[in-house]
């Protein structure tokens, strides 16, 4: 079984000049023309409703509430009438913003192209609810999906887990906790994941300005989630530094111009050493959060579609006893 693939990176001197397409270049020009500020991010503005392009139509989309202390809102996407593998989705948003609306199009695309059902989690946000609140919410949804899924997907199907950016970090830590308590997850998808809250990788320094994700902003958001920046605290919530258990098949997607590029690559190496069936997909010319840039960049749209399709092939291949090309024996 091919467990690991890492594409050769280009020389740093030419990396900055190669953006995937004109649409992404235009988006970057807009980002770079925004006046820089030394003030903390405006959470109220980031959390305010905004117009986003609609995603594809699906067989069914409905809001539910998973029983918990206060109830956990989720949105359930069905690709079709027949039962399909279920993917619990953890949205990005720097631990402090994002919701069921912000990633609605992404979840619809995952359901459509992956031929899966998706349950997006509206977990509690920092700073009002610091770590580990988001992890607790995701683990509670995983437990419900494992025990009570028959209410929405009959017969129940294997449960997978996916997340992007900070949601990727929350997803892998939630998987680690859930598996440690005896739970089962069929596969993991991590897109542009945070993996090291110490922000010490070379790509943080090389790509931390002008590529849509500021390293200074990241440091501020991390502090909202973990409450302090002490090494012990940061390590406790960094997948690169925690004791990871026997995780399932994992796809990790990273982007060339992402400050989180190197820590995602290091996470893949760590999982490989642990014996995890991991595939690293390194996307040349793309930036952080490319899954949600499908409406501005054709290259981002194609990359997202291919990633969702591959993940769906992994999940549906597990049911049929086969695996897609590049993940099989």
Protein backbone atom coordinates (compact mmCIF):
# COMPACT_ATOMS: atom_id res chain seq x y z
CA UNK A 1 0.00 0.00 0.00
CA UNK A 2 1.33 3.39 -0.91
CA UNK A 3 1.34 5.23 2.39
CA UNK A 4 2.99 8.50 1.60
CA UNK A 5 3.57 10.78 -1.33
CA UNK A 6 5.25 14.17 -1.19
CA UNK A 7 5.80 16.20 -4.32
CA UNK A 8 9.13 17.93 -4.86
CA UNK A 9 8.96 21.63 -4.01
CA UNK A 10 10.41 24.25 -6.33
CA UNK A 11 13.25 26.54 -5.38
CA UNK A 12 12.20 29.31 -2.95
CA UNK A 13 13.45 31.95 -5.37
CA UNK A 14 10.74 31.06 -7.93
CA UNK A 15 7.99 29.99 -5.55
CA UNK A 16 6.53 33.47 -5.00
CA UNK A 17 6.05 34.03 -8.74
CA UNK A 18 3.98 30.94 -9.44
CA UNK A 19 0.32 31.42 -8.54
CA UNK A 20 -2.14 28.83 -9.82
CA UNK A 21 -4.23 31.06 -12.09
CA UNK A 22 -5.36 34.60 -12.87
CA UNK A 23 -8.39 34.41 -10.61
CA UNK A 24 -6.25 33.59 -7.61
CA UNK A 25 -3.76 36.31 -8.59
CA UNK A 26 -6.57 38.86 -8.65
CA UNK A 27 -7.77 37.68 -5.23
CA UNK A 28 -4.25 38.04 -3.85
CA UNK A 29 -3.95 41.54 -5.31
CA UNK A 30 -7.09 42.53 -3.42
CA UNK A 31 -5.74 41.01 -0.21
CA UNK A 32 -2.43 42.82 -0.59
CA UNK A 33 -4.10 46.16 -1.34
CA UNK A 34 -5.94 46.12 1.99
CA UNK A 35 -4.23 48.55 4.41
CA UNK A 36 -2.20 46.75 7.07
CA UNK A 37 -3.19 47.34 10.69
CA UNK A 38 -1.54 46.63 14.02
CA UNK A 39 -4.85 46.29 15.85
CA UNK A 40 -6.24 42.85 16.75
CA UNK A 41 -8.71 41.27 14.31
CA UNK A 42 -12.29 42.51 14.56
CA UNK A 43 -14.22 39.46 15.73
CA UNK A 44 -17.60 41.17 15.44
CA UNK A 45 -16.96 41.86 11.76
CA UNK A 46 -15.56 38.38 11.11
CA UNK A 47 -18.61 36.78 12.69
CA UNK A 48 -21.17 38.96 10.91
CA UNK A 49 -23.30 37.37 8.18
CA UNK A 50 -21.91 37.81 4.68
CA UNK A 51 -23.05 36.94 1.20
CA UNK A 52 -21.47 33.80 -0.17
CA UNK A 53 -22.13 32.03 -3.43
CA UNK A 54 -24.55 29.10 -3.19
CA UNK A 55 -23.32 25.54 -3.32
CA UNK A 56 -24.73 22.73 -5.43
CA UNK A 57 -28.24 21.40 -4.81
CA UNK A 58 -28.43 18.14 -2.90
CA UNK A 59 -31.07 15.54 -2.15
CA UNK A 60 -31.61 16.93 1.38
CA UNK A 61 -30.13 19.59 3.68
CA UNK A 62 -31.50 20.10 7.18
CA UNK A 63 -30.52 21.52 10.52
CA UNK A 64 -30.49 19.29 13.59
CA UNK A 65 -29.39 19.51 17.21
CA UNK A 66 -27.23 16.84 18.78
CA UNK A 67 -28.13 16.21 22.44
CA UNK A 68 -25.50 17.55 24.82
CA UNK A 69 -25.40 19.82 27.86
CA UNK A 70 -26.65 22.75 25.78
CA UNK A 71 -27.20 20.97 22.47
CA UNK A 72 -24.83 21.12 19.49
CA UNK A 73 -26.25 22.55 16.24
CA UNK A 74 -25.33 20.57 13.13
CA UNK A 75 -26.32 20.67 9.47
CA UNK A 76 -26.91 17.34 7.76
CA UNK A 77 -26.28 17.05 4.01
CA UNK A 78 -27.55 14.02 2.09
CA UNK A 79 -26.11 13.39 -1.35
CA UNK A 80 -28.92 10.98 -2.23
CA UNK A 81 -31.71 8.84 -0.90
CA UNK A 82 -29.60 5.73 -0.24
CA UNK A 83 -27.38 5.57 2.87
CA UNK A 84 -23.80 6.68 2.38
CA UNK A 85 -20.67 6.99 4.52
CA UNK A 86 -21.05 9.87 6.97
CA UNK A 87 -18.39 12.58 7.23
CA UNK A 88 -18.43 14.82 10.31
CA UNK A 89 -17.06 18.19 9.15
CA UNK A 90 -15.17 20.67 11.36
CA UNK A 91 -15.01 24.17 9.86
CA UNK A 92 -12.05 26.51 9.90
CA UNK A 93 -12.10 30.06 11.21
CA UNK A 94 -9.07 30.49 13.46
CA UNK A 95 -10.91 28.89 16.40
CA UNK A 96 -12.95 32.08 16.84
CA UNK A 97 -15.32 32.50 13.87
CA UNK A 98 -17.08 30.46 11.21
CA UNK A 99 -20.36 28.57 11.44
CA UNK A 100 -22.80 26.44 9.48
CA UNK A 101 -23.22 29.19 6.87
CA UNK A 102 -19.54 29.99 6.30
CA UNK A 103 -18.75 26.46 5.08
CA UNK A 104 -22.12 25.51 3.60
CA UNK A 105 -20.83 25.51 0.02
CA UNK A 106 -17.76 23.48 0.98
CA UNK A 107 -19.90 20.85 2.72
CA UNK A 108 -22.26 20.65 -0.24
CA UNK A 109 -19.32 20.12 -2.59
CA UNK A 110 -17.89 17.43 -0.33
CA UNK A 111 -21.23 15.61 -0.27
CA UNK A 112 -21.69 15.86 -4.05
CA UNK A 113 -18.19 15.02 -5.27
CA UNK A 114 -17.40 12.56 -2.49
CA UNK A 115 -20.77 10.80 -2.80
CA UNK A 116 -21.09 10.92 1.00
CA UNK A 117 -23.38 12.40 3.60
CA UNK A 118 -21.94 15.26 5.66
CA UNK A 119 -22.68 16.51 9.17
CA UNK A 120 -21.22 19.99 9.75
CA UNK A 121 -20.66 20.90 13.42
CA UNK A 122 -21.40 24.36 14.82
CA UNK A 123 -18.97 23.95 17.73
CA UNK A 124 -18.37 26.50 20.47
CA UNK A 125 -15.96 29.30 19.58
CA UNK A 126 -13.13 31.09 21.38
CA UNK A 127 -12.55 33.30 23.28
CA UNK A 128 -15.93 32.75 24.98
CA UNK A 129 -15.29 29.01 24.92
CA UNK A 130 -11.54 28.26 24.90
CA UNK A 131 -9.99 24.86 24.37
CA UNK A 132 -10.99 22.12 24.78
CA UNK A 133 -14.64 23.16 24.24
CA UNK A 134 -14.55 22.71 20.44
CA UNK A 135 -12.90 19.29 20.81
CA UNK A 136 -15.54 18.22 23.33
CA UNK A 137 -18.32 19.24 20.93
CA UNK A 138 -16.84 17.33 18.00
CA UNK A 139 -16.25 14.21 20.12
CA UNK A 140 -19.87 14.38 21.33
CA UNK A 141 -21.09 14.55 17.72
CA UNK A 142 -18.89 11.57 16.80
CA UNK A 143 -20.34 9.57 19.69
CA UNK A 144 -23.89 10.47 18.67
CA UNK A 145 -23.19 9.61 15.03
CA UNK A 146 -21.79 6.25 16.08
CA UNK A 147 -24.64 5.31 18.44
CA UNK A 148 -27.70 7.11 17.04
CA UNK A 149 -26.97 7.50 13.34
CA UNK A 150 -29.85 5.17 12.50
CA UNK A 151 -32.17 8.14 13.12
CA UNK A 152 -30.89 9.83 9.96
CA UNK A 153 -28.97 7.20 7.94
CA UNK A 154 -30.42 3.69 7.88
CA UNK A 155 -28.65 1.37 8.03
CA UNK A 156 -25.87 3.23 9.88
CA UNK A 157 -22.65 3.69 7.91
CA UNK A 158 -18.99 4.18 8.93
CA UNK A 159 -18.20 7.65 10.28
CA UNK A 160 -15.27 9.67 8.93
CA UNK A 161 -13.95 13.05 10.03
CA UNK A 162 -12.79 16.08 8.03
CA UNK A 163 -11.67 19.61 8.80
CA UNK A 164 -9.93 22.59 7.26
CA UNK A 165 -7.42 25.04 8.77
CA UNK A 166 -8.05 25.33 12.53
CA UNK A 167 -10.84 22.82 11.98
CA UNK A 168 -8.21 20.36 10.80
CA UNK A 169 -6.39 20.70 14.12
CA UNK A 170 -9.64 20.31 16.06
CA UNK A 171 -10.51 17.28 13.91
CA UNK A 172 -7.26 15.39 14.51
CA UNK A 173 -7.27 16.11 18.25
CA UNK A 174 -10.93 15.04 18.43
CA UNK A 175 -10.12 11.86 16.52
CA UNK A 176 -7.25 11.17 18.90
CA UNK A 177 -9.48 11.55 21.96
CA UNK A 178 -12.37 9.62 20.47
CA UNK A 179 -10.18 6.69 19.39
CA UNK A 180 -8.45 6.69 22.78
CA UNK A 181 -11.84 6.12 24.41
CA UNK A 182 -12.61 3.15 22.15
CA UNK A 183 -14.34 4.95 19.27
CA UNK A 184 -13.91 4.13 15.59
CA UNK A 185 -13.31 6.56 12.72
CA UNK A 186 -12.99 5.21 9.19
CA UNK A 187 -10.76 7.96 7.72
CA UNK A 188 -9.53 11.53 8.17
CA UNK A 189 -9.35 14.45 5.72
CA UNK A 190 -7.26 17.45 6.83
CA UNK A 191 -7.10 20.46 4.50
CA UNK A 192 -4.45 23.12 5.21
CA UNK A 193 -4.44 22.07 8.87
CA UNK A 194 -2.89 23.88 11.81
CA UNK A 195 -0.52 21.37 13.36
CA UNK A 196 1.92 23.40 15.47
CA UNK A 197 0.56 26.26 17.57
CA UNK A 198 4.13 27.39 18.33
CA UNK A 199 4.22 28.76 14.75
CA UNK A 200 7.85 27.78 14.36
CA UNK A 201 7.98 26.29 10.85
CA UNK A 202 9.89 27.99 8.00
CA UNK A 203 6.71 28.59 5.97
CA UNK A 204 5.30 30.69 8.82
CA UNK A 205 8.23 33.06 8.34
CA UNK A 206 8.30 32.86 4.53
CA UNK A 207 4.56 33.06 3.84
CA UNK A 208 3.27 34.86 6.94
CA UNK A 209 2.47 38.09 5.11
CA UNK A 210 0.81 38.81 1.79
CA UNK A 211 -0.69 35.38 1.15
CA UNK A 212 -4.08 35.79 2.81
CA UNK A 213 -3.17 34.47 6.26
CA UNK A 214 -1.16 36.68 8.61
CA UNK A 215 1.19 35.06 11.11
CA UNK A 216 0.54 37.93 13.54
CA UNK A 217 -3.21 37.35 13.32
CA UNK A 218 -2.69 33.62 13.77
CA UNK A 219 -0.77 34.21 17.00
CA UNK A 220 -3.61 36.41 18.31
CA UNK A 221 -6.28 33.84 17.43
CA UNK A 222 -4.30 31.01 18.99
CA UNK A 223 -4.09 32.97 22.22
CA UNK A 224 -7.87 33.38 22.23
CA UNK A 225 -8.26 29.60 22.01
CA UNK A 226 -5.61 28.41 24.45
CA UNK A 227 -5.65 31.53 26.70
CA UNK A 228 -1.86 31.76 26.98
CA UNK A 229 1.18 31.23 24.79
CA UNK A 230 3.24 29.15 27.19
CA UNK A 231 5.12 26.33 25.40
CA UNK A 232 3.49 23.67 27.56
CA UNK A 233 -0.01 24.92 26.68
CA UNK A 234 0.76 25.29 22.97
CA UNK A 235 2.26 21.80 22.86
CA UNK A 236 -0.78 20.30 24.56
CA UNK A 237 -2.96 21.35 21.61
CA UNK A 238 -0.47 20.89 18.76
CA UNK A 239 -0.76 17.62 16.80
CA UNK A 240 2.97 17.72 16.08
CA UNK A 241 3.70 17.60 19.81
CA UNK A 242 0.99 15.39 21.30
CA UNK A 243 0.99 11.62 21.61
CA UNK A 244 -1.17 10.55 18.68
CA UNK A 245 -2.89 7.18 18.77
CA UNK A 246 -3.43 4.70 15.97
CA UNK A 247 -5.25 6.96 13.54
CA UNK A 248 -7.10 5.68 10.46
CA UNK A 249 -6.30 6.33 6.79
CA UNK A 250 -5.55 10.06 6.51
CA UNK A 251 -5.42 12.48 3.58
CA UNK A 252 -3.58 15.75 4.23
CA UNK A 253 -3.90 18.54 1.66
CA UNK A 254 -1.46 21.45 1.83
CA UNK A 255 -0.86 24.49 -0.38
CA UNK A 256 2.43 25.91 -1.63
CA UNK A 257 1.78 29.51 -0.56
CA UNK A 258 0.24 28.69 2.83
CA UNK A 259 2.04 29.71 6.06
CA UNK A 260 0.85 26.34 7.44
CA UNK A 261 2.40 24.40 4.54
CA UNK A 262 5.42 23.05 6.41
CA UNK A 263 3.62 21.98 9.56
CA UNK A 264 1.11 20.06 7.45
CA UNK A 265 3.99 18.29 5.71
CA UNK A 266 5.60 17.52 9.07
CA UNK A 267 2.33 16.11 10.36
CA UNK A 268 2.23 13.71 7.41
CA UNK A 269 5.79 12.59 8.23
CA UNK A 270 4.87 12.05 11.88
CA UNK A 271 1.83 9.95 10.96
CA UNK A 272 3.91 7.90 8.53
CA UNK A 273 6.41 7.11 11.30
CA UNK A 274 3.51 6.01 13.48
CA UNK A 275 2.43 3.54 10.79
CA UNK A 276 -0.62 5.48 9.66
CA UNK A 277 -1.79 5.07 6.06
CA UNK A 278 -1.25 8.71 5.10
CA UNK A 279 -1.18 10.52 1.78
CA UNK A 280 0.15 14.07 1.48
CA UNK A 281 -1.24 16.12 -1.41
CA UNK A 282 0.88 19.22 -2.00
CA UNK A 283 -0.90 21.74 -4.22
CA UNK A 284 1.43 23.96 -6.24
CA UNK A 285 0.43 27.59 -6.70
CA UNK A 286 -2.45 27.54 -4.22
CA UNK A 287 -2.96 29.39 -0.93
CA UNK A 288 -4.40 28.69 2.50
CA UNK A 289 -8.12 27.96 2.50
CA UNK A 290 -8.31 27.07 -1.19
CA UNK A 291 -11.35 24.87 -0.56
CA UNK A 292 -13.46 28.00 -0.10
CA UNK A 293 -11.89 29.87 -3.04
CA UNK A 294 -13.57 27.73 -5.69
CA UNK A 295 -15.71 30.72 -6.72
CA UNK A 296 -12.66 32.91 -7.52
CA UNK A 297 -10.11 30.40 -8.83
CA UNK A 298 -10.69 27.55 -11.26
CA UNK A 299 -7.50 25.88 -10.04
CA UNK A 300 -8.81 25.98 -6.47
CA UNK A 301 -12.15 24.59 -7.61
CA UNK A 302 -10.48 21.70 -9.46
CA UNK A 303 -8.19 20.93 -6.52
CA UNK A 304 -11.13 20.85 -4.12
CA UNK A 305 -13.22 18.66 -6.39
CA UNK A 306 -10.35 16.19 -6.82
CA UNK A 307 -9.69 16.11 -3.08
CA UNK A 308 -13.35 15.49 -2.20
CA UNK A 309 -13.61 12.84 -4.91
CA UNK A 310 -10.53 11.02 -3.63
CA UNK A 311 -11.78 11.09 -0.06
CA UNK A 312 -15.13 9.73 -1.16
CA UNK A 313 -13.37 6.96 -3.09
CA UNK A 314 -11.47 6.03 0.06
CA UNK A 315 -14.68 5.84 2.12
CA UNK A 316 -16.77 4.03 -0.47
CA UNK A 317 -13.82 1.78 -1.31
CA UNK A 318 -13.67 0.72 2.33
CA UNK A 319 -17.27 -0.46 2.04
CA UNK A 320 -16.61 -2.46 -1.11
CA UNK A 321 -13.26 -3.82 0.06
CA UNK A 322 -11.30 -1.91 -2.57
CA UNK A 323 -9.22 1.25 -2.50
CA UNK A 324 -8.73 3.99 -5.11
CA UNK A 325 -5.58 4.26 -7.14
CA UNK A 326 -2.66 5.66 -5.09
CA UNK A 327 -4.17 4.35 -1.86
CA UNK A 328 -4.22 0.63 -2.66
CA UNK A 329 -1.73 -2.20 -2.51
